[in-house]
PDB file of all heavy atoms in Angstrom:
ATOM      1  N   TYR A   1       0.802  -0.707  10.246  1.00  0.00           N
ATOM      2  CA  TYR A   1       0.221  -2.027  10.548  1.00  0.00           C
ATOM      3  C   TYR A   1      -1.093  -1.876  11.316  1.00  0.00           C
ATOM      4  O   TYR A   1      -2.115  -2.482  10.966  1.00  0.00           O
ATOM      5  CB  TYR A   1       1.225  -2.838  11.357  1.00  0.00           C
ATOM      6  CG  TYR A   1       0.713  -4.187  11.802  1.00  0.00           C
ATOM      7  CD1 TYR A   1       0.838  -5.304  10.989  1.00  0.00           C
ATOM      8  CD2 TYR A   1       0.104  -4.345  13.046  1.00  0.00           C
ATOM      9  CE1 TYR A   1       0.371  -6.551  11.390  1.00  0.00           C
ATOM     10  CE2 TYR A   1      -0.362  -5.582  13.465  1.00  0.00           C
ATOM     11  CZ  TYR A   1      -0.229  -6.677  12.636  1.00  0.00           C
ATOM     12  OH  TYR A   1      -0.700  -7.895  13.043  1.00  0.00           O
ATOM     13  N   PHE A   2      -1.084  -1.040  12.372  1.00  0.00           N
ATOM     14  CA  PHE A   2      -2.286  -0.892  13.188  1.00  0.00           C
ATOM     15  C   PHE A   2      -3.386  -0.136  12.445  1.00  0.00           C
ATOM     16  O   PHE A   2      -4.579  -0.386  12.657  1.00  0.00           O
ATOM     17  CB  PHE A   2      -1.951  -0.197  14.503  1.00  0.00           C
ATOM     18  CG  PHE A   2      -1.183  -1.059  15.470  1.00  0.00           C
ATOM     19  CD1 PHE A   2       0.069  -0.678  15.915  1.00  0.00           C
ATOM     20  CD2 PHE A   2      -1.709  -2.265  15.903  1.00  0.00           C
ATOM     21  CE1 PHE A   2       0.779  -1.483  16.791  1.00  0.00           C
ATOM     22  CE2 PHE A   2      -1.007  -3.071  16.780  1.00  0.00           C
ATOM     23  CZ  PHE A   2       0.246  -2.681  17.230  1.00  0.00           C
ATOM     24  N   ILE A   3      -3.011   0.795  11.562  1.00  0.00           N
ATOM     25  CA  ILE A   3      -4.017   1.495  10.760  1.00  0.00           C
ATOM     26  C   ILE A   3      -4.740   0.512   9.848  1.00  0.00           C
ATOM     27  O   ILE A   3      -5.976   0.513   9.751  1.00  0.00           O
ATOM     28  CB  ILE A   3      -3.349   2.631   9.944  1.00  0.00           C
ATOM     29  CG1 ILE A   3      -3.015   3.809  10.860  1.00  0.00           C
ATOM     30  CG2 ILE A   3      -4.257   3.085   8.799  1.00  0.00           C
ATOM     31  CD1 ILE A   3      -2.187   4.883  10.180  1.00  0.00           C
ATOM     32  N   ILE A   4      -3.978  -0.335   9.171  1.00  0.00           N
ATOM     33  CA  ILE A   4      -4.595  -1.319   8.281  1.00  0.00           C
ATOM     34  C   ILE A   4      -5.420  -2.325   9.082  1.00  0.00           C
ATOM     35  O   ILE A   4      -6.528  -2.700   8.676  1.00  0.00           O
ATOM     36  CB  ILE A   4      -3.516  -2.030   7.444  1.00  0.00           C
ATOM     37  CG1 ILE A   4      -2.824  -1.017   6.516  1.00  0.00           C
ATOM     38  CG2 ILE A   4      -4.111  -3.167   6.627  1.00  0.00           C
ATOM     39  CD1 ILE A   4      -1.640  -1.570   5.773  1.00  0.00           C
ATOM     40  N   ALA A   5      -4.888  -2.755  10.236  1.00  0.00           N
ATOM     41  CA  ALA A   5      -5.635  -3.695  11.069  1.00  0.00           C
ATOM     42  C   ALA A   5      -6.952  -3.087  11.532  1.00  0.00           C
ATOM     43  O   ALA A   5      -8.008  -3.746  11.496  1.00  0.00           O
ATOM     44  CB  ALA A   5      -4.783  -4.104  12.273  1.00  0.00           C
ATOM     45  N   GLU A   6      -6.930  -1.823  11.950  1.00  0.00           N
ATOM     46  CA  GLU A   6      -8.158  -1.166  12.404  1.00  0.00           C
ATOM     47  C   GLU A   6      -9.132  -0.992  11.250  1.00  0.00           C
ATOM     48  O   GLU A   6     -10.350  -1.173  11.404  1.00  0.00           O
ATOM     49  CB  GLU A   6      -7.817   0.193  13.012  1.00  0.00           C
ATOM     50  CG  GLU A   6      -9.000   0.935  13.615  1.00  0.00           C
ATOM     51  CD  GLU A   6      -9.600   0.197  14.798  1.00  0.00           C
ATOM     52  OE1 GLU A   6      -8.835  -0.330  15.627  1.00  0.00           O
ATOM     53  OE2 GLU A   6     -10.844   0.123  14.876  1.00  0.00           O
ATOM     54  N   ALA A   7      -8.616  -0.639  10.079  1.00  0.00           N
ATOM     55  CA  ALA A   7      -9.494  -0.458   8.917  1.00  0.00           C
ATOM     56  C   ALA A   7     -10.174  -1.772   8.539  1.00  0.00           C
ATOM     57  O   ALA A   7     -11.380  -1.803   8.250  1.00  0.00           O
ATOM     58  CB  ALA A   7      -8.689   0.088   7.734  1.00  0.00           C
ATOM     59  N   LEU A   8      -9.425  -2.865   8.529  1.00  0.00           N
ATOM     60  CA  LEU A   8     -10.027  -4.161   8.203  1.00  0.00           C
ATOM     61  C   LEU A   8     -11.014  -4.602   9.281  1.00  0.00           C
ATOM     62  O   LEU A   8     -12.044  -5.236   8.968  1.00  0.00           O
ATOM     63  CB  LEU A   8      -8.932  -5.210   8.018  1.00  0.00           C
ATOM     64  CG  LEU A   8      -8.009  -5.008   6.806  1.00  0.00           C
ATOM     65  CD1 LEU A   8      -6.952  -6.100   6.746  1.00  0.00           C
ATOM     66  CD2 LEU A   8      -8.813  -4.970   5.511  1.00  0.00           C
ATOM     67  N   THR A   9     -10.741  -4.278  10.532  1.00  0.00           N
ATOM     68  CA  THR A   9     -11.697  -4.579  11.600  1.00  0.00           C
ATOM     69  C   THR A   9     -12.984  -3.801  11.405  1.00  0.00           C
ATOM     70  O   THR A   9     -14.095  -4.337  11.582  1.00  0.00           O
ATOM     71  CB  THR A   9     -11.075  -4.250  12.962  1.00  0.00           C
ATOM     72  OG1 THR A   9      -9.892  -5.020  13.142  1.00  0.00           O
ATOM     73  CG2 THR A   9     -12.048  -4.561  14.089  1.00  0.00           C
ATOM     74  N   ASN A  10     -12.870  -2.529  11.026  1.00  0.00           N
ATOM     75  CA  ASN A  10     -14.070  -1.721  10.750  1.00  0.00           C
ATOM     76  C   ASN A  10     -14.890  -2.324   9.613  1.00  0.00           C
ATOM     77  O   ASN A  10     -16.122  -2.376   9.670  1.00  0.00           O
ATOM     78  CB  ASN A  10     -13.668  -0.291  10.382  1.00  0.00           C
ATOM     79  CG  ASN A  10     -13.161   0.489  11.576  1.00  0.00           C
ATOM     80  OD1 ASN A  10     -13.414   0.129  12.720  1.00  0.00           O
ATOM     81  ND2 ASN A  10     -12.435   1.562  11.305  1.00  0.00           N
ATOM     82  N   ILE A  11     -14.194  -2.774   8.573  1.00  0.00           N
ATOM     83  CA  ILE A  11     -14.896  -3.379   7.435  1.00  0.00           C
ATOM     84  C   ILE A  11     -15.642  -4.626   7.883  1.00  0.00           C
ATOM     85  O   ILE A  11     -16.803  -4.854   7.520  1.00  0.00           O
ATOM     86  CB  ILE A  11     -13.896  -3.699   6.310  1.00  0.00           C
ATOM     87  CG1 ILE A  11     -13.340  -2.403   5.710  1.00  0.00           C
ATOM     88  CG2 ILE A  11     -14.552  -4.546   5.221  1.00  0.00           C
ATOM     89  CD1 ILE A  11     -12.221  -2.628   4.720  1.00  0.00           C
ATOM     90  N   THR A  12     -14.982  -5.433   8.697  1.00  0.00           N
ATOM     91  CA  THR A  12     -15.601  -6.681   9.158  1.00  0.00           C
ATOM     92  C   THR A  12     -16.827  -6.405  10.040  1.00  0.00           C
ATOM     93  O   THR A  12     -17.858  -7.065   9.902  1.00  0.00           O
ATOM     94  CB  THR A  12     -14.578  -7.513   9.934  1.00  0.00           C
ATOM     95  OG1 THR A  12     -13.449  -7.777   9.084  1.00  0.00           O
ATOM     96  CG2 THR A  12     -15.178  -8.820  10.399  1.00  0.00           C
ATOM     97  N   LYS A  13     -16.719  -5.425  10.928  1.00  0.00           N
ATOM     98  CA  LYS A  13     -17.781  -5.184  11.900  1.00  0.00           C
ATOM     99  C   LYS A  13     -18.926  -4.331  11.360  1.00  0.00           C
ATOM    100  O   LYS A  13     -20.085  -4.547  11.709  1.00  0.00           O
ATOM    101  CB  LYS A  13     -17.202  -4.501  13.144  1.00  0.00           C
ATOM    102  CG  LYS A  13     -16.290  -5.383  13.977  1.00  0.00           C
ATOM    103  CD  LYS A  13     -15.829  -4.630  15.217  1.00  0.00           C
ATOM    104  CE  LYS A  13     -14.975  -5.499  16.120  1.00  0.00           C
ATOM    105  NZ  LYS A  13     -14.514  -4.758  17.331  1.00  0.00           N
ATOM    106  N   HIS A  14     -18.609  -3.343  10.533  1.00  0.00           N
ATOM    107  CA  HIS A  14     -19.612  -2.316  10.239  1.00  0.00           C
ATOM    108  C   HIS A  14     -19.997  -2.187   8.770  1.00  0.00           C
ATOM    109  O   HIS A  14     -21.069  -1.666   8.467  1.00  0.00           O
ATOM    110  CB  HIS A  14     -19.100  -0.941  10.709  1.00  0.00           C
ATOM    111  CG  HIS A  14     -18.652  -0.908  12.143  1.00  0.00           C
ATOM    112  ND1 HIS A  14     -19.522  -1.012  13.193  1.00  0.00           N
ATOM    113  CD2 HIS A  14     -17.414  -0.798  12.676  1.00  0.00           C
ATOM    114  CE1 HIS A  14     -18.848  -0.954  14.342  1.00  0.00           C
ATOM    115  NE2 HIS A  14     -17.567  -0.829  14.054  1.00  0.00           N
ATOM    116  N   ALA A  15     -19.138  -2.609   7.841  1.00  0.00           N
ATOM    117  CA  ALA A  15     -19.361  -2.247   6.440  1.00  0.00           C
ATOM    118  C   ALA A  15     -20.374  -3.138   5.738  1.00  0.00           C
ATOM    119  O   ALA A  15     -21.021  -2.702   4.779  1.00  0.00           O
ATOM    120  CB  ALA A  15     -18.035  -2.279   5.665  1.00  0.00           C
ATOM    121  N   GLY A  16     -20.517  -4.395   6.172  1.00  0.00           N
ATOM    122  CA  GLY A  16     -21.363  -5.322   5.423  1.00  0.00           C
ATOM    123  C   GLY A  16     -20.836  -5.559   4.027  1.00  0.00           C
ATOM    124  O   GLY A  16     -21.613  -5.701   3.068  1.00  0.00           O
ATOM    125  N   ALA A  17     -19.508  -5.610   3.891  1.00  0.00           N
ATOM    126  CA  ALA A  17     -18.888  -5.711   2.568  1.00  0.00           C
ATOM    127  C   ALA A  17     -18.708  -7.164   2.165  1.00  0.00           C
ATOM    128  O   ALA A  17     -18.612  -8.067   3.002  1.00  0.00           O
ATOM    129  CB  ALA A  17     -17.538  -4.996   2.568  1.00  0.00           C
ATOM    130  N   SER A  18     -18.658  -7.370   0.858  1.00  0.00           N
ATOM    131  CA  SER A  18     -18.369  -8.699   0.318  1.00  0.00           C
ATOM    132  C   SER A  18     -16.937  -8.803  -0.174  1.00  0.00           C
ATOM    133  O   SER A  18     -16.459  -9.902  -0.464  1.00  0.00           O
ATOM    134  CB  SER A  18     -19.324  -9.014  -0.835  1.00  0.00           C
ATOM    135  OG  SER A  18     -19.177  -8.059  -1.884  1.00  0.00           O
ATOM    136  N   ALA A  19     -16.246  -7.686  -0.296  1.00  0.00           N
ATOM    137  CA  ALA A  19     -14.860  -7.691  -0.751  1.00  0.00           C
ATOM    138  C   ALA A  19     -14.160  -6.440  -0.251  1.00  0.00           C
ATOM    139  O   ALA A  19     -14.779  -5.393  -0.059  1.00  0.00           O
ATOM    140  CB  ALA A  19     -14.775  -7.765  -2.283  1.00  0.00           C
ATOM    141  N   ALA A  20     -12.873  -6.563  -0.035  1.00  0.00           N
ATOM    142  CA  ALA A  20     -12.048  -5.436   0.403  1.00  0.00           C
ATOM    143  C   ALA A  20     -10.709  -5.517  -0.313  1.00  0.00           C
ATOM    144  O   ALA A  20     -10.342  -6.556  -0.875  1.00  0.00           O
ATOM    145  CB  ALA A  20     -11.857  -5.456   1.916  1.00  0.00           C
ATOM    146  N   SER A  21      -9.989  -4.411  -0.294  1.00  0.00           N
ATOM    147  CA  SER A  21      -8.662  -4.389  -0.905  1.00  0.00           C
ATOM    148  C   SER A  21      -7.768  -3.460  -0.112  1.00  0.00           C
ATOM    149  O   SER A  21      -8.218  -2.466   0.463  1.00  0.00           O
ATOM    150  CB  SER A  21      -8.734  -3.929  -2.373  1.00  0.00           C
ATOM    151  OG  SER A  21      -9.170  -2.586  -2.453  1.00  0.00           O
ATOM    152  N   VAL A  22      -6.500  -3.796  -0.077  1.00  0.00           N
ATOM    153  CA  VAL A  22      -5.484  -2.986   0.597  1.00  0.00           C
ATOM    154  C   VAL A  22      -4.366  -2.729  -0.403  1.00  0.00           C
ATOM    155  O   VAL A  22      -3.852  -3.664  -1.034  1.00  0.00           O
ATOM    156  CB  VAL A  22      -4.923  -3.696   1.844  1.00  0.00           C
ATOM    157  CG1 VAL A  22      -3.796  -2.864   2.462  1.00  0.00           C
ATOM    158  CG2 VAL A  22      -6.018  -3.940   2.868  1.00  0.00           C
ATOM    159  N   ARG A  23      -4.010  -1.470  -0.552  1.00  0.00           N
ATOM    160  CA  ARG A  23      -2.897  -1.100  -1.429  1.00  0.00           C
ATOM    161  C   ARG A  23      -1.851  -0.376  -0.597  1.00  0.00           C
ATOM    162  O   ARG A  23      -2.163   0.555   0.147  1.00  0.00           O
ATOM    163  CB  ARG A  23      -3.369  -0.210  -2.572  1.00  0.00           C
ATOM    164  CG  ARG A  23      -2.263   0.115  -3.573  1.00  0.00           C
ATOM    165  CD  ARG A  23      -2.796   0.900  -4.764  1.00  0.00           C
ATOM    166  NE  ARG A  23      -1.765   1.078  -5.783  1.00  0.00           N
ATOM    167  CZ  ARG A  23      -0.896   2.079  -5.792  1.00  0.00           C
ATOM    168  NH1 ARG A  23      -0.950   3.003  -4.840  1.00  0.00           N
ATOM    169  NH2 ARG A  23       0.015   2.174  -6.741  1.00  0.00           N
ATOM    170  N   LEU A  24      -0.624  -0.802  -0.735  1.00  0.00           N
ATOM    171  CA  LEU A  24       0.492  -0.230   0.012  1.00  0.00           C
ATOM    172  C   LEU A  24       1.555   0.191  -0.984  1.00  0.00           C
ATOM    173  O   LEU A  24       2.047  -0.624  -1.763  1.00  0.00           O
ATOM    174  CB  LEU A  24       1.047  -1.271   0.990  1.00  0.00           C
ATOM    175  CG  LEU A  24       1.929  -0.784   2.132  1.00  0.00           C
ATOM    176  CD1 LEU A  24       1.171   0.176   3.026  1.00  0.00           C
ATOM    177  CD2 LEU A  24       2.425  -1.965   2.945  1.00  0.00           C
ATOM    178  N   ALA A  25       1.870   1.472  -0.968  1.00  0.00           N
ATOM    179  CA  ALA A  25       2.886   1.998  -1.877  1.00  0.00           C
ATOM    180  C   ALA A  25       3.738   3.000  -1.110  1.00  0.00           C
ATOM    181  O   ALA A  25       3.452   3.337   0.046  1.00  0.00           O
ATOM    182  CB  ALA A  25       2.244   2.649  -3.105  1.00  0.00           C
ATOM    183  N   ALA A  26       4.776   3.487  -1.754  1.00  0.00           N
ATOM    184  CA  ALA A  26       5.680   4.401  -1.067  1.00  0.00           C
ATOM    185  C   ALA A  26       6.455   5.229  -2.067  1.00  0.00           C
ATOM    186  O   ALA A  26       6.716   4.804  -3.197  1.00  0.00           O
ATOM    187  CB  ALA A  26       6.648   3.634  -0.162  1.00  0.00           C
ATOM    188  N   THR A  27       6.787   6.439  -1.630  1.00  0.00           N
ATOM    189  CA  THR A  27       7.772   7.258  -2.313  1.00  0.00           C
ATOM    190  C   THR A  27       9.010   7.298  -1.422  1.00  0.00           C
ATOM    191  O   THR A  27       9.098   6.579  -0.426  1.00  0.00           O
ATOM    192  CB  THR A  27       7.229   8.665  -2.567  1.00  0.00           C
ATOM    193  OG1 THR A  27       6.951   9.303  -1.306  1.00  0.00           O
ATOM    194  CG2 THR A  27       5.938   8.606  -3.375  1.00  0.00           C
ATOM    195  N   ASP A  28       9.960   8.146  -1.763  1.00  0.00           N
ATOM    196  CA  ASP A  28      11.181   8.202  -0.960  1.00  0.00           C
ATOM    197  C   ASP A  28      10.899   8.630   0.473  1.00  0.00           C
ATOM    198  O   ASP A  28      11.582   8.200   1.400  1.00  0.00           O
ATOM    199  CB  ASP A  28      12.190   9.169  -1.597  1.00  0.00           C
ATOM    200  CG  ASP A  28      12.757   8.613  -2.892  1.00  0.00           C
ATOM    201  OD1 ASP A  28      12.660   7.379  -3.092  1.00  0.00           O
ATOM    202  OD2 ASP A  28      13.264   9.406  -3.698  1.00  0.00           O
ATOM    203  N   ASP A  29       9.904   9.497   0.652  1.00  0.00           N
ATOM    204  CA  ASP A  29       9.672  10.047   1.988  1.00  0.00           C
ATOM    205  C   ASP A  29       8.245   9.886   2.487  1.00  0.00           C
ATOM    206  O   ASP A  29       7.866  10.501   3.483  1.00  0.00           O
ATOM    207  CB  ASP A  29      10.042  11.535   2.010  1.00  0.00           C
ATOM    208  CG  ASP A  29       9.286  12.337   0.955  1.00  0.00           C
ATOM    209  OD1 ASP A  29       8.472  11.734   0.215  1.00  0.00           O
ATOM    210  OD2 ASP A  29       9.497  13.553   0.864  1.00  0.00           O
ATOM    211  N   THR A  30       7.423   9.074   1.830  1.00  0.00           N
ATOM    212  CA  THR A  30       6.032   8.932   2.236  1.00  0.00           C
ATOM    213  C   THR A  30       5.576   7.487   2.041  1.00  0.00           C
ATOM    214  O   THR A  30       5.902   6.857   1.043  1.00  0.00           O
ATOM    215  CB  THR A  30       5.113   9.862   1.407  1.00  0.00           C
ATOM    216  OG1 THR A  30       5.581  11.204   1.515  1.00  0.00           O
ATOM    217  CG2 THR A  30       3.679   9.810   1.935  1.00  0.00           C
ATOM    218  N   LEU A  31       4.822   7.005   3.012  1.00  0.00           N
ATOM    219  CA  LEU A  31       4.180   5.698   2.917  1.00  0.00           C
ATOM    220  C   LEU A  31       2.701   5.920   2.626  1.00  0.00           C
ATOM    221  O   LEU A  31       2.028   6.692   3.328  1.00  0.00           O
ATOM    222  CB  LEU A  31       4.356   4.930   4.227  1.00  0.00           C
ATOM    223  CG  LEU A  31       3.944   3.457   4.227  1.00  0.00           C
ATOM    224  CD1 LEU A  31       4.814   2.666   3.265  1.00  0.00           C
ATOM    225  CD2 LEU A  31       4.045   2.880   5.628  1.00  0.00           C
ATOM    226  N   LEU A  32       2.176   5.283   1.585  1.00  0.00           N
ATOM    227  CA  LEU A  32       0.817   5.505   1.118  1.00  0.00           C
ATOM    228  C   LEU A  32      -0.004   4.247   1.353  1.00  0.00           C
ATOM    229  O   LEU A  32       0.360   3.162   0.893  1.00  0.00           O
ATOM    230  CB  LEU A  32       0.821   5.860  -0.373  1.00  0.00           C
ATOM    231  CG  LEU A  32       1.758   6.999  -0.786  1.00  0.00           C
ATOM    232  CD1 LEU A  32       1.792   7.128  -2.299  1.00  0.00           C
ATOM    233  CD2 LEU A  32       1.313   8.307  -0.157  1.00  0.00           C
ATOM    234  N   ILE A  33      -1.128   4.412   2.046  1.00  0.00           N
ATOM    235  CA  ILE A  33      -2.013   3.290   2.377  1.00  0.00           C
ATOM    236  C   ILE A  33      -3.396   3.592   1.823  1.00  0.00           C
ATOM    237  O   ILE A  33      -3.930   4.686   2.042  1.00  0.00           O
ATOM    238  CB  ILE A  33      -2.108   3.082   3.900  1.00  0.00           C
ATOM    239  CG1 ILE A  33      -0.720   2.847   4.498  1.00  0.00           C
ATOM    240  CG2 ILE A  33      -3.044   1.932   4.239  1.00  0.00           C
ATOM    241  CD1 ILE A  33      -0.697   2.915   6.012  1.00  0.00           C
ATOM    242  N   THR A  34      -3.980   2.635   1.115  1.00  0.00           N
ATOM    243  CA  THR A  34      -5.342   2.767   0.604  1.00  0.00           C
ATOM    244  C   THR A  34      -6.105   1.497   0.943  1.00  0.00           C
ATOM    245  O   THR A  34      -5.694   0.403   0.540  1.00  0.00           O
ATOM    246  CB  THR A  34      -5.371   3.003  -0.917  1.00  0.00           C
ATOM    247  OG1 THR A  34      -4.574   4.140  -1.242  1.00  0.00           O
ATOM    248  CG2 THR A  34      -6.797   3.241  -1.389  1.00  0.00           C
ATOM    249  N   VAL A  35      -7.200   1.648   1.678  1.00  0.00           N
ATOM    250  CA  VAL A  35      -8.057   0.519   2.043  1.00  0.00           C
ATOM    251  C   VAL A  35      -9.450   0.804   1.483  1.00  0.00           C
ATOM    252  O   VAL A  35     -10.036   1.861   1.754  1.00  0.00           O
ATOM    253  CB  VAL A  35      -8.117   0.316   3.566  1.00  0.00           C
ATOM    254  CG1 VAL A  35      -8.970  -0.903   3.901  1.00  0.00           C
ATOM    255  CG2 VAL A  35      -6.720   0.158   4.145  1.00  0.00           C
ATOM    256  N   ARG A  36      -9.975  -0.134   0.706  1.00  0.00           N
ATOM    257  CA  ARG A  36     -11.253   0.050   0.019  1.00  0.00           C
ATOM    258  C   ARG A  36     -12.163  -1.136   0.305  1.00  0.00           C
ATOM    259  O   ARG A  36     -11.704  -2.274   0.439  1.00  0.00           O
ATOM    260  CB  ARG A  36     -11.017   0.183  -1.487  1.00  0.00           C
ATOM    261  CG  ARG A  36     -12.262   0.361  -2.330  1.00  0.00           C
ATOM    262  CD  ARG A  36     -11.897   0.247  -3.817  1.00  0.00           C
ATOM    263  NE  ARG A  36     -10.953   1.268  -4.217  1.00  0.00           N
ATOM    264  CZ  ARG A  36     -11.306   2.422  -4.755  1.00  0.00           C
ATOM    265  NH1 ARG A  36     -12.591   2.694  -4.966  1.00  0.00           N
ATOM    266  NH2 ARG A  36     -10.383   3.307  -5.112  1.00  0.00           N
ATOM    267  N   ASP A  37     -13.474  -0.862   0.390  1.00  0.00           N
ATOM    268  CA  ASP A  37     -14.443  -1.956   0.501  1.00  0.00           C
ATOM    269  C   ASP A  37     -15.701  -1.596  -0.277  1.00  0.00           C
ATOM    270  O   ASP A  37     -15.937  -0.422  -0.597  1.00  0.00           O
ATOM    271  CB  ASP A  37     -14.789  -2.251   1.974  1.00  0.00           C
ATOM    272  CG  ASP A  37     -15.615  -1.146   2.618  1.00  0.00           C
ATOM    273  OD1 ASP A  37     -16.831  -1.076   2.374  1.00  0.00           O
ATOM    274  OD2 ASP A  37     -15.038  -0.344   3.381  1.00  0.00           O
ATOM    275  N   ASP A  38     -16.507  -2.606  -0.610  1.00  0.00           N
ATOM    276  CA  ASP A  38     -17.726  -2.396  -1.389  1.00  0.00           C
ATOM    277  C   ASP A  38     -18.967  -2.474  -0.504  1.00  0.00           C
ATOM    278  O   ASP A  38     -20.042  -2.872  -0.961  1.00  0.00           O
ATOM    279  CB  ASP A  38     -17.827  -3.430  -2.516  1.00  0.00           C
ATOM    280  CG  ASP A  38     -17.890  -4.866  -1.985  1.00  0.00           C
ATOM    281  OD1 ASP A  38     -17.754  -5.046  -0.751  1.00  0.00           O
ATOM    282  OD2 ASP A  38     -18.085  -5.791  -2.790  1.00  0.00           O
ATOM    283  N   GLY A  39     -18.827  -2.071   0.750  1.00  0.00           N
ATOM    284  CA  GLY A  39     -19.924  -2.162   1.701  1.00  0.00           C
ATOM    285  C   GLY A  39     -20.953  -1.067   1.550  1.00  0.00           C
ATOM    286  O   GLY A  39     -21.026  -0.374   0.539  1.00  0.00           O
ATOM    287  N   ARG A  40     -21.724  -0.880   2.633  1.00  0.00           N
ATOM    288  CA  ARG A  40     -22.867   0.038   2.590  1.00  0.00           C
ATOM    289  C   ARG A  40     -22.472   1.500   2.641  1.00  0.00           C
ATOM    290  O   ARG A  40     -23.295   2.381   2.372  1.00  0.00           O
ATOM    291  CB  ARG A  40     -23.819  -0.276   3.747  1.00  0.00           C
ATOM    292  CG  ARG A  40     -23.235  -0.047   5.132  1.00  0.00           C
ATOM    293  CD  ARG A  40     -24.265  -0.296   6.226  1.00  0.00           C
ATOM    294  NE  ARG A  40     -24.686  -1.668   6.240  1.00  0.00           N
ATOM    295  CZ  ARG A  40     -24.131  -2.605   7.021  1.00  0.00           C
ATOM    296  NH1 ARG A  40     -23.108  -2.278   7.821  1.00  0.00           N
ATOM    297  NH2 ARG A  40     -24.556  -3.841   7.013  1.00  0.00           N
ATOM    298  N   GLY A  41     -21.230   1.814   2.989  1.00  0.00           N
ATOM    299  CA  GLY A  41     -20.789   3.204   3.040  1.00  0.00           C
ATOM    300  C   GLY A  41     -21.350   3.932   4.241  1.00  0.00           C
ATOM    301  O   GLY A  41     -21.854   3.337   5.198  1.00  0.00           O
ATOM    302  N   GLY A  42     -21.279   5.264   4.178  1.00  0.00           N
ATOM    303  CA  GLY A  42     -21.809   6.083   5.263  1.00  0.00           C
ATOM    304  C   GLY A  42     -20.950   6.068   6.511  1.00  0.00           C
ATOM    305  O   GLY A  42     -21.440   6.390   7.592  1.00  0.00           O
ATOM    306  N   ALA A  43     -19.664   5.714   6.401  1.00  0.00           N
ATOM    307  CA  ALA A  43     -18.785   5.700   7.570  1.00  0.00           C
ATOM    308  C   ALA A  43     -18.598   7.127   8.079  1.00  0.00           C
ATOM    309  O   ALA A  43     -18.437   8.068   7.302  1.00  0.00           O
ATOM    310  CB  ALA A  43     -17.440   5.079   7.215  1.00  0.00           C
TER     311      ALA A  43
END
């Protein structure tokens, strides 16, 4: 939860993005998080 919250905060403050996406998936023993934005990059 806090990782996704921090990532979205970074996008809002620094990325200059017009769109973002969050993908949450899992296997039996791993939780997979992917956060993407179309901002300026260079993080």
